[in-house]
C-alpha atoms as a PDB file:
ATOM      1  CA  MET A   1     -50.939  61.275  27.052  1.00  0.00           C
ATOM      2  CA  TYR A   2     -50.473  61.130  30.795  1.00  0.00           C
ATOM      3  CA  LYS A   3     -47.808  62.812  32.847  1.00  0.00           C
ATOM      4  CA  LEU A   4     -46.259  61.156  35.873  1.00  0.00           C
ATOM      5  CA  LEU A   5     -44.586  63.527  38.286  1.00  0.00           C
ATOM      6  CA  PHE A   6     -42.410  62.563  41.204  1.00  0.00           C
ATOM      7  CA  LEU A   7     -41.973  65.160  43.889  1.00  0.00           C
ATOM      8  CA  SER A   8     -38.706  64.060  45.463  1.00  0.00           C
ATOM      9  CA  THR A   9     -39.043  66.121  48.609  1.00  0.00           C
ATOM     10  CA  LEU A  10     -42.505  64.739  49.354  1.00  0.00           C
ATOM     11  CA  GLY A  11     -41.966  61.217  48.031  1.00  0.00           C
ATOM     12  CA  ILE A  12     -45.221  61.346  46.057  1.00  0.00           C
ATOM     13  CA  ALA A  13     -45.878  60.027  42.564  1.00  0.00           C
ATOM     14  CA  ALA A  14     -49.040  61.014  40.747  1.00  0.00           C
ATOM     15  CA  ILE A  15     -50.461  60.521  37.284  1.00  0.00           C
ATOM     16  CA  SER A  16     -52.271  63.458  35.786  1.00  0.00           C
ATOM     17  CA  PRO A  17     -53.318  64.454  32.280  1.00  0.00           C
ATOM     18  CA  ALA A  18     -50.381  66.006  30.458  1.00  0.00           C
ATOM     19  CA  VAL A  19     -50.646  69.732  30.105  1.00  0.00           C
ATOM     20  CA  ALA A  20     -48.448  71.392  27.543  1.00  0.00           C
ATOM     21  CA  GLY A  21     -46.935  74.554  28.851  1.00  0.00           C
ATOM     22  CA  PRO A  22     -43.647  76.320  29.313  1.00  0.00           C
ATOM     23  CA  ILE A  23     -41.366  75.662  32.251  1.00  0.00           C
ATOM     24  CA  MET A  24     -41.102  78.779  34.382  1.00  0.00           C
ATOM     25  CA  VAL A  25     -37.529  79.921  34.790  1.00  0.00           C
ATOM     26  CA  CYS A  26     -36.692  81.010  38.338  1.00  0.00           C
ATOM     27  CA  GLU A  27     -33.307  82.321  37.315  1.00  0.00           C
ATOM     28  CA  HIS A  28     -31.761  82.524  33.865  1.00  0.00           C
ATOM     29  CA  PRO A  29     -30.388  79.038  33.152  1.00  0.00           C
ATOM     30  CA  GLY A  30     -27.446  80.435  31.207  1.00  0.00           C
ATOM     31  CA  LYS A  31     -23.841  80.031  32.277  1.00  0.00           C
ATOM     32  CA  ALA A  32     -23.331  80.731  35.960  1.00  0.00           C
ATOM     33  CA  THR A  33     -20.007  82.138  37.091  1.00  0.00           C
ATOM     34  CA  CYS A  34     -18.639  79.268  39.139  1.00  0.00           C
ATOM     35  CA  GLY A  35     -15.462  79.356  41.182  1.00  0.00           C
ATOM     36  CA  ALA A  36     -12.415  77.240  40.435  1.00  0.00           C
ATOM     37  CA  GLY A  37     -13.239  73.569  40.929  1.00  0.00           C
ATOM     38  CA  ASP A  38     -16.996  74.177  41.110  1.00  0.00           C
ATOM     39  CA  TYR A  39     -19.409  72.916  38.467  1.00  0.00           C
ATOM     40  CA  GLU A  40     -22.685  74.283  37.118  1.00  0.00           C
ATOM     41  CA  THR A  41     -26.004  72.457  37.241  1.00  0.00           C
ATOM     42  CA  THR A  42     -29.580  73.263  36.334  1.00  0.00           C
ATOM     43  CA  GLN A  43     -31.955  72.188  39.100  1.00  0.00           C
ATOM     44  CA  LYS A  44     -35.707  71.751  38.714  1.00  0.00           C
ATOM     45  CA  ASN A  45     -38.695  71.468  40.994  1.00  0.00           C
ATOM     46  CA  SER A  46     -42.387  71.216  40.184  1.00  0.00           C
ATOM     47  CA  ARG A  47     -42.576  74.880  39.168  1.00  0.00           C
ATOM     48  CA  CYS A  48     -39.345  76.014  37.572  1.00  0.00           C
ATOM     49  CA  GLU A  49     -35.672  75.443  36.863  1.00  0.00           C
ATOM     50  CA  LYS A  50     -32.632  77.485  37.827  1.00  0.00           C
ATOM     51  CA  SER A  51     -28.864  77.444  37.370  1.00  0.00           C
ATOM     52  CA  LEU A  52     -26.504  77.231  40.289  1.00  0.00           C
ATOM     53  CA  CYS A  53     -22.919  76.378  41.128  1.00  0.00           C
ATOM     54  CA  VAL A  54     -22.074  73.309  43.189  1.00  0.00           C
ATOM     55  CA  ALA A  55     -18.834  72.992  45.153  1.00  0.00           C
ATOM     56  CA  ASN A  56     -16.558  70.125  44.122  1.00  0.00           C
ATOM     57  CA  THR A  57     -16.916  68.647  47.632  1.00  0.00           C
ATOM     58  CA  GLU A  58     -20.709  68.281  47.326  1.00  0.00           C
ATOM     59  CA  PRO A  59     -22.777  65.757  45.381  1.00  0.00           C
ATOM     60  CA  PRO A  60     -25.373  66.922  42.851  1.00  0.00           C
ATOM     61  CA  GLY A  61     -28.803  67.646  44.297  1.00  0.00           C
ATOM     62  CA  THR A  62     -31.354  64.861  44.746  1.00  0.00           C
ATOM     63  CA  PRO A  63     -32.595  63.944  41.262  1.00  0.00           C
ATOM     64  CA  TYR A  64     -35.994  65.250  40.211  1.00  0.00           C
ATOM     65  CA  ILE A  65     -37.597  62.774  37.790  1.00  0.00           C
ATOM     66  CA  GLN A  66     -40.440  63.653  35.405  1.00  0.00           C
ATOM     67  CA  CYS A  67     -41.936  60.985  33.130  1.00  0.00           C
ATOM     68  CA  ASP A  68     -44.503  61.146  30.314  1.00  0.00           C
ATOM     69  CA  TYR A  69     -46.318  57.905  29.379  1.00  0.00           C
ATOM     70  CA  SER A  70     -47.567  56.982  25.922  1.00  0.00           C
ATOM     71  CA  TRP A  71     -48.253  53.621  24.271  1.00  0.00           C
ATOM     72  CA  GLY A  72     -46.301  51.445  26.681  1.00  0.00           C
ATOM     73  CA  THR A  73     -43.239  53.676  27.016  1.00  0.00           C
ATOM     74  CA  TYR A  74     -42.242  56.342  29.499  1.00  0.00           C
ATOM     75  CA  GLN A  75     -40.012  59.210  28.377  1.00  0.00           C
ATOM     76  CA  CYS A  76     -38.252  60.363  31.538  1.00  0.00           C
ATOM     77  CA  GLN A  77     -36.260  63.528  32.100  1.00  0.00           C
ATOM     78  CA  VAL A  78     -33.903  64.074  35.011  1.00  0.00           C
ATOM     79  CA  TRP A  79     -32.598  67.129  36.814  1.00  0.00           C
ATOM     80  CA  PRO A  80     -30.034  68.278  37.898  1.00  0.00           C
ATOM     81  CA  ARG A  81     -28.468  68.747  34.495  1.00  0.00           C
ATOM     82  CA  GLY A  82     -24.961  69.815  33.662  1.00  0.00           C
ATOM     83  CA  GLU A  83     -22.295  69.245  31.030  1.00  0.00           C
ATOM     84  CA  GLU A  84     -20.066  67.512  33.551  1.00  0.00           C
ATOM     85  CA  LEU A  85     -22.692  65.250  35.160  1.00  0.00           C
ATOM     86  CA  SER A  86     -23.191  61.580  34.277  1.00  0.00           C
ATOM     87  CA  TYR A  87     -26.350  59.522  34.736  1.00  0.00           C
ATOM     88  CA  SER A  88     -26.974  55.854  35.465  1.00  0.00           C
ATOM     89  CA  TYR A  89     -30.401  54.274  35.045  1.00  0.00           C
ATOM     90  CA  ALA A  90     -31.545  50.972  36.541  1.00  0.00           C
ATOM     91  CA  ALA A  91     -34.991  49.396  36.530  1.00  0.00           C
ATOM     92  CA  THR A  92     -36.630  46.499  38.288  1.00  0.00           C
ATOM     93  CA  ALA A  93     -37.584  43.393  36.291  1.00  0.00           C
ATOM     94  CA  GLY A  94     -40.944  44.808  35.172  1.00  0.00           C
ATOM     95  CA  LEU A  95     -39.349  47.637  33.129  1.00  0.00           C
ATOM     96  CA  GLN A  96     -36.748  48.004  30.382  1.00  0.00           C
ATOM     97  CA  VAL A  97     -34.414  51.039  30.166  1.00  0.00           C
ATOM     98  CA  SER A  98     -32.839  52.350  26.956  1.00  0.00           C
ATOM     99  CA  TRP A  99     -29.437  53.141  28.537  1.00  0.00           C
ATOM    100  CA  SER A 100     -27.229  51.081  30.808  1.00  0.00           C
ATOM    101  CA  GLY A 101     -24.089  52.176  32.601  1.00  0.00           C
ATOM    102  CA  PRO A 102     -23.048  55.789  33.011  1.00  0.00           C
ATOM    103  CA  VAL A 103     -24.129  58.097  30.188  1.00  0.00           C
ATOM    104  CA  TYR A 104     -24.213  61.860  29.710  1.00  0.00           C
ATOM    105  CA  TYR A 105     -27.916  62.005  28.766  1.00  0.00           C
ATOM    106  CA  PRO A 106     -30.464  63.373  31.277  1.00  0.00           C
ATOM    107  CA  THR A 107     -33.262  61.568  29.434  1.00  0.00           C
ATOM    108  CA  VAL A 108     -34.166  57.883  29.222  1.00  0.00           C
ATOM    109  CA  SER A 109     -36.883  55.749  27.623  1.00  0.00           C
ATOM    110  CA  VAL A 110     -38.439  53.142  29.893  1.00  0.00           C
ATOM    111  CA  GLY A 111     -40.471  50.397  28.258  1.00  0.00           C
ATOM    112  CA  CYS A 112     -43.238  48.276  29.712  1.00  0.00           C
ATOM    113  CA  PRO A 113     -42.874  44.688  28.435  1.00  0.00           C
ATOM    114  CA  GLY A 114     -46.558  44.000  28.991  1.00  0.00           C
ATOM    115  CA  PHE A 115     -49.661  45.540  30.452  1.00  0.00           C
ATOM    116  CA  GLY A 116     -50.138  45.054  34.160  1.00  0.00           C
ATOM    117  CA  TYR A 117     -46.426  45.026  34.892  1.00  0.00           C
ATOM    118  CA  GLY A 118     -44.414  47.935  36.152  1.00  0.00           C
ATOM    119  CA  GLY A 119     -41.643  48.608  38.569  1.00  0.00           C
ATOM    120  CA  ALA A 120     -39.224  51.225  39.763  1.00  0.00           C
ATOM    121  CA  LEU A 121     -36.692  53.339  37.903  1.00  0.00           C
ATOM    122  CA  THR A 122     -33.621  54.358  39.900  1.00  0.00           C
ATOM    123  CA  VAL A 123     -31.545  57.291  38.686  1.00  0.00           C
ATOM    124  CA  THR A 124     -28.044  58.070  39.945  1.00  0.00           C
ATOM    125  CA  VAL A 125     -26.447  61.419  39.067  1.00  0.00           C
ATOM    126  CA  THR A 126     -22.674  61.619  39.483  1.00  0.00           C
ATOM    127  CA  SER A 127     -20.560  64.778  39.664  1.00  0.00           C
ATOM    128  CA  PRO A 128     -17.261  65.168  37.800  1.00  0.00           C
ATOM    129  CA  TYR A 129     -15.581  64.512  41.175  1.00  0.00           C
ATOM    130  CA  GLY A 130     -17.219  61.093  41.670  1.00  0.00           C
ATOM    131  CA  LEU A 131     -19.848  62.182  44.223  1.00  0.00           C
ATOM    132  CA  SER A 132     -23.372  60.982  43.515  1.00  0.00           C
ATOM    133  CA  SER A 133     -26.983  61.226  44.587  1.00  0.00           C
ATOM    134  CA  HIS A 134     -29.907  59.044  43.604  1.00  0.00           C
ATOM    135  CA  ASN A 135     -33.665  58.830  43.622  1.00  0.00           C
ATOM    136  CA  HIS A 136     -36.311  56.439  42.337  1.00  0.00           C
ATOM    137  CA  ILE A 137     -39.822  56.535  40.969  1.00  0.00           C
ATOM    138  CA  SER A 138     -42.507  53.866  40.646  1.00  0.00           C
ATOM    139  CA  LEU A 139     -43.789  53.473  37.094  1.00  0.00           C
ATOM    140  CA  PRO A 140     -46.963  51.422  36.605  1.00  0.00           C
ATOM    141  CA  CYS A 141     -47.661  49.839  33.228  1.00  0.00           C
ATOM    142  CA  HIS A 142     -51.249  50.682  32.402  1.00  0.00           C
ATOM    143  CA  THR A 143     -53.762  47.917  31.823  1.00  0.00           C
ATOM    144  CA  THR A 144     -55.532  49.717  28.982  1.00  0.00           C
ATOM    145  CA  ILE A 145     -54.294  51.300  25.789  1.00  0.00           C
ATOM    146  CA  GLU A 146     -54.480  55.090  25.702  1.00  0.00           C
ATOM    147  CA  GLN A 147     -56.936  56.655  23.307  1.00  0.00           C
END
């Protein structure tokens, strides 16, 4: 299995062998004490995840997208996460997404219709107050079957 990581702040996508291991927790991702009108999210970067409160006048943070590839399908996870956030997934013609329209799932399956294709997955995260942020990642469809 290969792991595709997208570092949103650097705009870099890289494929590397998947390494099973725990996610380091920067701060306990339990319930944060948010003020009235604020909402809680769990943010993630390449090293860890943490809980924080976001003011109702601010959009969610820029989405961090992490995808694992196996047998023609990517399983992608998205941060920030939160009970009140919704997610929209869109892909270019070379990919097929499992969800369309706004959903409350921070995960999506992205299929490759054939080897040699590929495209971009765009993720939009929307707050309960209608503010959104988005990011995208290029997902190549491999030309050989994984062993």
